Amino acid sequence: MTKTRHALTSVLMIALAGLMSVPFYYIVVNTFKTQQETTNSPLALPTTWVLDNYIKVFEGTQILQSLMNTVYVTAISIFLMLAIGSLAAFGQITGRSRTSQIIGAVLIAAFIIPGQATLVPLYRMLVGVRLVDSLEGLIVIYSCGSIFCYYLILGYMRTIPAEVLEAARIDGAGPFRIYWMIVLPLIRPILVTVGVFQTMWVWNDFITPNVFISSEEKQTLVLQVYSAVGQFTTDWPSFMTLTVIVLIPMVVFFIFMQRHIVSGLVSGSVKG
C-alpha cells in the first residue's frame, strides 16, 4: 500500500512538473523563431534554430548595462535588508523593553500595508530628497523589505538559548560583539534563506523600477523586457528572449541555493 501511494505521488508530481514546465518551454522555444513563425505555431519547434533574436537583443538594447544596474541594486539592497533585519531582531530579543514592543507593533502595522498603496507618498518623499530616477532611490525603497527579514530572523533568533548570550555578557562581551561573534554565526542558515527570497523579489520586481526609473541607462533587466512591448504591436521573439536572459541568472541562483533554503527552514523548525 505504501509503495502504491509513493508511486501515485510520484506520477502526480511528475505530471504537475510537466504542466508547470510548459510556459518555460513556450518561452525558450520561441526565442529561436521569427515573429511570423511565433505567431503561426507558438508551441511547435522552430524549423531552423537561429540565434538572431539573441544577437538583436544584445546589439539593440542596453542589456549589459541593465544587468549591471540590477546586480548593483540587488546586492546592496540584500546586504542592507539582512543587516537591518538581523540588528533589529537582535535588539528585540535583548531589549525586551516597552519601547521595543511599541516598535515591534509599528513594524507589524507597516508589514501588513500593501506596497502598492504607498507608491504615491514614497514617490513624493523621494522627489523631496532628489532620489527619483536613481538606483540609490531603488535601494532605499527595497531596504524597506528589512521588515520581512526582521520577522523571519526574529523567529529563528529566539531559538538561541538565552544562556549562551548571558554567558557572553558575563565574560564581558558588549552587545555588538555578542551580535557579531555569537549571534551571526548561529543564524547563518536563516540569513541565507531570507537572502534568497529577497534576491528573487528584488531581481524580478517590475512595479518599483517602472514607477521610479525613467532614464534608459538606469533601467533594470525587467524594464528591458517591457521595452519589447509596443503600443500597438509586440516583438514577441525579442520579448521572450529578454525574458529568458532575465530568468537564467535566477534559475541558476535558485538551483545552487535550494539546499540552503531547505536547511535553513528545517533548522529553524527543529532547533532547540
Protein backbone atom coordinates (compact mmCIF):
# COMPACT_ATOMS: atom_id res chain seq x y z
CA MET A 1 0.00 0.00 0.00
CA THR A 2 2.82 2.37 0.88
CA LYS A 3 4.65 1.63 -2.37
CA THR A 4 1.46 2.24 -4.35
CA ARG A 5 0.94 5.55 -2.58
CA HIS A 6 4.52 6.62 -3.31
CA ALA A 7 4.13 5.63 -6.96
CA LEU A 8 0.90 7.64 -7.31
CA THR A 9 2.53 10.61 -5.61
CA SER A 10 5.49 10.42 -7.98
CA VAL A 11 3.23 10.22 -11.03
CA LEU A 12 1.19 13.19 -9.80
CA MET A 13 4.29 15.28 -9.09
CA ILE A 14 5.81 14.46 -12.48
CA ALA A 15 2.55 15.44 -14.18
CA LEU A 16 2.41 18.73 -12.27
CA ALA A 17 6.07 19.43 -13.03
CA GLY A 18 5.40 18.79 -16.73
CA LEU A 19 2.42 21.13 -16.64
CA MET A 20 4.43 23.85 -14.92
CA SER A 21 7.26 23.48 -17.45
CA VAL A 22 5.01 24.22 -20.44
CA PRO A 23 5.24 28.04 -20.09
CA PHE A 24 9.03 27.81 -19.76
CA TYR A 25 9.19 25.59 -22.86
CA TYR A 26 6.95 28.05 -24.70
CA ILE A 27 9.23 30.98 -23.87
CA VAL A 28 12.54 29.25 -24.65
CA VAL A 29 11.42 27.68 -27.94
CA ASN A 30 10.09 30.95 -29.32
CA THR A 31 13.40 32.74 -28.77
CA PHE A 32 14.73 30.77 -31.76
CA LYS A 33 11.86 31.70 -34.11
CA THR A 34 10.90 34.64 -36.28
CA GLN A 35 7.92 36.82 -35.47
CA GLN A 36 5.79 35.14 -38.14
CA GLU A 37 6.73 31.63 -37.03
CA THR A 38 5.97 32.51 -33.42
CA THR A 39 2.52 33.76 -34.41
CA ASN A 40 1.70 30.80 -36.65
CA SER A 41 2.97 27.94 -34.47
CA PRO A 42 3.88 29.12 -30.97
CA LEU A 43 4.19 25.64 -29.42
CA ALA A 44 5.96 23.89 -32.29
CA LEU A 45 9.71 23.52 -32.51
CA PRO A 46 11.40 26.03 -34.84
CA THR A 47 12.03 24.90 -38.39
CA THR A 48 15.51 26.43 -38.17
CA TRP A 49 17.31 27.07 -34.89
CA VAL A 50 18.82 30.55 -35.11
CA LEU A 51 20.34 32.95 -32.60
CA ASP A 52 19.23 36.10 -34.42
CA ASN A 53 16.94 37.18 -31.57
CA TYR A 54 19.75 36.98 -29.01
CA ILE A 55 22.11 38.92 -31.31
CA LYS A 56 19.38 41.51 -31.91
CA VAL A 57 18.77 41.93 -28.18
CA PHE A 58 22.43 42.35 -27.27
CA GLU A 59 23.06 44.76 -30.14
CA GLY A 60 19.83 46.74 -29.98
CA THR A 61 19.31 47.15 -26.24
CA GLN A 62 21.37 48.17 -23.22
CA ILE A 63 21.01 44.70 -21.74
CA LEU A 64 24.51 44.58 -20.23
CA GLN A 65 24.07 47.98 -18.58
CA SER A 66 20.71 46.89 -17.23
CA LEU A 67 22.32 43.70 -15.91
CA MET A 68 24.95 45.73 -14.03
CA ASN A 69 22.23 48.03 -12.67
CA THR A 70 20.21 45.05 -11.44
CA VAL A 71 23.22 43.37 -9.82
CA TYR A 72 24.19 46.64 -8.12
CA VAL A 73 20.71 47.32 -6.75
CA THR A 74 20.12 43.71 -5.71
CA ALA A 75 23.46 43.21 -3.94
CA ILE A 76 23.33 46.40 -1.86
CA SER A 77 19.61 46.04 -1.10
CA ILE A 78 20.04 42.47 0.16
CA PHE A 79 23.00 43.46 2.31
CA LEU A 80 21.05 46.32 3.89
CA MET A 81 17.93 44.22 4.42
CA LEU A 82 19.83 41.44 6.15
CA ALA A 83 21.90 43.85 8.25
CA ILE A 84 18.93 45.96 9.35
CA GLY A 85 16.63 42.98 9.86
CA SER A 86 19.13 41.00 11.93
CA LEU A 87 20.14 44.01 14.03
CA ALA A 88 16.50 44.85 14.71
CA ALA A 89 15.75 41.24 15.67
CA PHE A 90 18.79 41.17 17.97
CA GLY A 91 17.67 44.37 19.64
CA GLN A 92 14.19 42.93 20.10
CA ILE A 93 15.33 39.75 21.86
CA THR A 94 17.87 41.52 24.06
CA GLY A 95 15.98 44.73 24.85
CA ARG A 96 12.57 43.44 25.93
CA SER A 97 11.55 46.96 26.89
CA ARG A 98 8.25 48.73 26.29
CA THR A 99 9.91 50.80 23.57
CA SER A 100 10.97 47.68 21.66
CA GLN A 101 7.44 46.30 21.97
CA ILE A 102 5.99 49.50 20.53
CA ILE A 103 8.48 49.42 17.67
CA GLY A 104 7.54 45.79 17.01
CA ALA A 105 3.86 46.74 16.86
CA VAL A 106 4.63 49.57 14.43
CA LEU A 107 6.58 47.17 12.22
CA ILE A 108 3.63 44.78 12.18
CA ALA A 109 1.36 47.59 11.03
CA ALA A 110 3.85 48.58 8.33
CA PHE A 111 4.22 44.98 7.20
CA ILE A 112 0.51 44.44 6.52
CA ILE A 113 0.12 47.59 4.37
CA PRO A 114 0.29 46.69 0.64
CA GLY A 115 3.32 48.18 -1.05
CA GLN A 116 1.22 49.50 -3.94
CA ALA A 117 -0.72 51.70 -1.51
CA THR A 118 2.47 53.55 -0.56
CA LEU A 119 3.81 54.27 -4.05
CA VAL A 120 2.46 57.82 -4.25
CA PRO A 121 3.73 59.01 -0.84
CA LEU A 122 7.03 57.23 -1.48
CA TYR A 123 7.37 58.99 -4.82
CA ARG A 124 6.76 62.39 -3.22
CA MET A 125 9.26 61.64 -0.48
CA LEU A 126 11.95 60.62 -2.96
CA VAL A 127 11.27 63.73 -5.03
CA GLY A 128 11.95 65.78 -1.91
CA VAL A 129 15.36 64.18 -1.41
CA ARG A 130 16.15 64.00 -5.15
CA LEU A 131 16.34 60.23 -5.35
CA VAL A 132 13.74 59.72 -8.10
CA ASP A 133 15.22 58.20 -11.25
CA SER A 134 18.27 56.91 -9.41
CA LEU A 135 19.48 53.45 -8.49
CA GLU A 136 20.13 54.67 -4.95
CA GLY A 137 16.44 55.55 -4.67
CA LEU A 138 15.53 51.97 -5.59
CA ILE A 139 17.93 50.70 -2.94
CA VAL A 140 16.26 52.89 -0.31
CA ILE A 141 12.84 51.54 -1.25
CA TYR A 142 13.95 47.91 -1.32
CA SER A 143 15.60 48.35 2.07
CA CYS A 144 12.08 48.55 3.47
CA GLY A 145 12.00 44.81 2.88
CA SER A 146 14.00 44.63 6.11
CA ILE A 147 10.64 44.21 7.86
CA PHE A 148 10.12 40.82 6.20
CA CYS A 149 13.69 39.83 7.07
CA TYR A 150 13.17 41.04 10.63
CA TYR A 151 10.22 38.73 11.31
CA LEU A 152 11.81 35.61 9.85
CA ILE A 153 15.13 36.26 11.57
CA LEU A 154 13.39 37.10 14.86
CA GLY A 155 11.62 33.74 14.95
CA TYR A 156 14.88 31.92 14.29
CA MET A 157 16.89 34.05 16.70
CA ARG A 158 14.50 33.22 19.55
CA THR A 159 15.67 29.61 19.32
CA ILE A 160 19.15 30.63 20.50
CA PRO A 161 19.48 29.61 24.18
CA ALA A 162 19.44 32.66 26.46
CA GLU A 163 22.26 31.05 28.46
CA VAL A 164 24.63 31.50 25.52
CA LEU A 165 24.04 35.25 25.39
CA GLU A 166 24.16 35.57 29.15
CA ALA A 167 27.48 33.73 29.33
CA ALA A 168 28.91 36.14 26.77
CA ARG A 169 27.75 39.12 28.85
CA ILE A 170 29.34 37.65 31.97
CA ASP A 171 32.61 37.27 30.06
CA GLY A 172 32.49 41.00 29.36
CA ALA A 173 31.32 40.99 25.73
CA GLY A 174 29.37 44.05 24.65
CA PRO A 175 26.16 43.96 22.60
CA PHE A 176 27.83 44.42 19.22
CA ARG A 177 30.48 41.77 19.94
CA ILE A 178 27.76 39.32 21.00
CA TYR A 179 25.87 40.07 17.80
CA TRP A 180 28.94 39.78 15.56
CA MET A 181 30.80 36.88 17.18
CA ILE A 182 27.95 34.72 18.52
CA VAL A 183 24.57 35.54 17.03
CA LEU A 184 25.51 35.99 13.36
CA PRO A 185 27.25 32.59 13.02
CA LEU A 186 24.30 30.88 14.70
CA ILE A 187 21.67 32.48 12.44
CA ARG A 188 23.58 31.99 9.19
CA PRO A 189 21.08 29.40 7.80
CA ILE A 190 18.11 31.77 8.09
CA LEU A 191 20.16 34.66 6.70
CA VAL A 192 20.85 32.60 3.58
CA THR A 193 17.20 31.56 3.29
CA VAL A 194 15.87 35.10 3.66
CA GLY A 195 18.57 36.41 1.34
CA VAL A 196 17.48 34.04 -1.41
CA PHE A 197 13.82 35.01 -1.10
CA GLN A 198 14.59 38.71 -1.13
CA THR A 199 17.06 38.37 -4.01
CA MET A 200 14.37 36.81 -6.19
CA TRP A 201 11.94 39.56 -5.20
CA VAL A 202 14.30 42.44 -6.00
CA TRP A 203 15.60 40.87 -9.20
CA ASN A 204 12.13 40.18 -10.63
CA ASP A 205 10.34 43.28 -9.35
CA PHE A 206 8.70 45.37 -12.06
CA ILE A 207 6.40 47.86 -10.34
CA THR A 208 9.02 49.75 -8.32
CA PRO A 209 11.57 50.43 -11.09
CA ASN A 210 8.77 51.15 -13.55
CA VAL A 211 7.44 53.90 -11.27
CA PHE A 212 10.72 55.39 -10.06
CA ILE A 213 13.07 54.95 -13.04
CA SER A 214 12.66 56.89 -16.28
CA SER A 215 16.19 57.08 -17.74
CA GLU A 216 17.06 54.29 -20.15
CA GLU A 217 20.62 53.93 -18.85
CA LYS A 218 19.30 53.29 -15.32
CA GLN A 219 16.76 50.64 -16.24
CA THR A 220 16.81 47.20 -14.64
CA LEU A 221 16.55 43.94 -16.57
CA VAL A 222 12.81 43.63 -16.04
CA LEU A 223 12.26 47.05 -17.60
CA GLN A 224 14.28 45.95 -20.62
CA VAL A 225 11.81 43.10 -21.08
CA TYR A 226 8.94 45.58 -21.08
CA SER A 227 10.73 47.67 -23.74
CA ALA A 228 9.79 44.99 -26.32
CA VAL A 229 6.09 45.73 -25.75
CA GLY A 230 4.90 48.46 -28.13
CA GLN A 231 1.70 50.48 -28.10
CA PHE A 232 0.14 48.60 -30.99
CA THR A 233 2.42 45.61 -31.61
CA THR A 234 4.75 43.45 -29.59
CA ASP A 235 8.00 41.92 -30.79
CA TRP A 236 7.30 38.53 -29.22
CA PRO A 237 10.62 36.83 -30.08
CA SER A 238 12.57 39.75 -28.56
CA PHE A 239 10.22 39.86 -25.59
CA MET A 240 10.75 36.18 -24.85
CA THR A 241 14.48 36.39 -25.49
CA LEU A 242 14.78 39.18 -22.93
CA THR A 243 12.63 37.13 -20.54
CA VAL A 244 14.98 34.15 -20.84
CA ILE A 245 18.01 36.37 -20.23
CA VAL A 246 16.36 37.70 -17.06
CA LEU A 247 15.34 34.24 -15.87
CA ILE A 248 18.62 32.38 -16.42
CA PRO A 249 20.58 34.02 -13.54
CA MET A 250 17.71 33.44 -11.10
CA VAL A 251 17.20 29.83 -12.18
CA VAL A 252 20.91 29.09 -11.72
CA PHE A 253 20.95 31.01 -8.43
CA PHE A 254 17.93 29.13 -7.08
CA ILE A 255 19.30 25.72 -8.09
CA PHE A 256 22.55 26.35 -6.24
CA MET A 257 20.85 27.85 -3.19
CA GLN A 258 17.93 25.41 -2.90
CA ARG A 259 19.78 23.19 -0.43
CA HIS A 260 20.48 26.17 1.82
CA ILE A 261 16.83 27.24 1.72
CA VAL A 262 15.62 23.84 2.89
CA SER A 263 18.32 23.52 5.54
CA GLY A 264 17.57 27.00 6.88
CA LEU A 265 13.85 26.37 7.21
CA VAL A 266 14.33 22.92 8.73
CA SER A 267 16.97 24.14 11.18
CA GLY A 268 14.65 26.91 12.36
CA SER A 269 11.81 24.45 12.94
CA VAL A 270 13.75 21.86 14.98
CA LYS A 271 16.44 23.92 16.66
CA GLY A 272 16.25 23.86 20.47
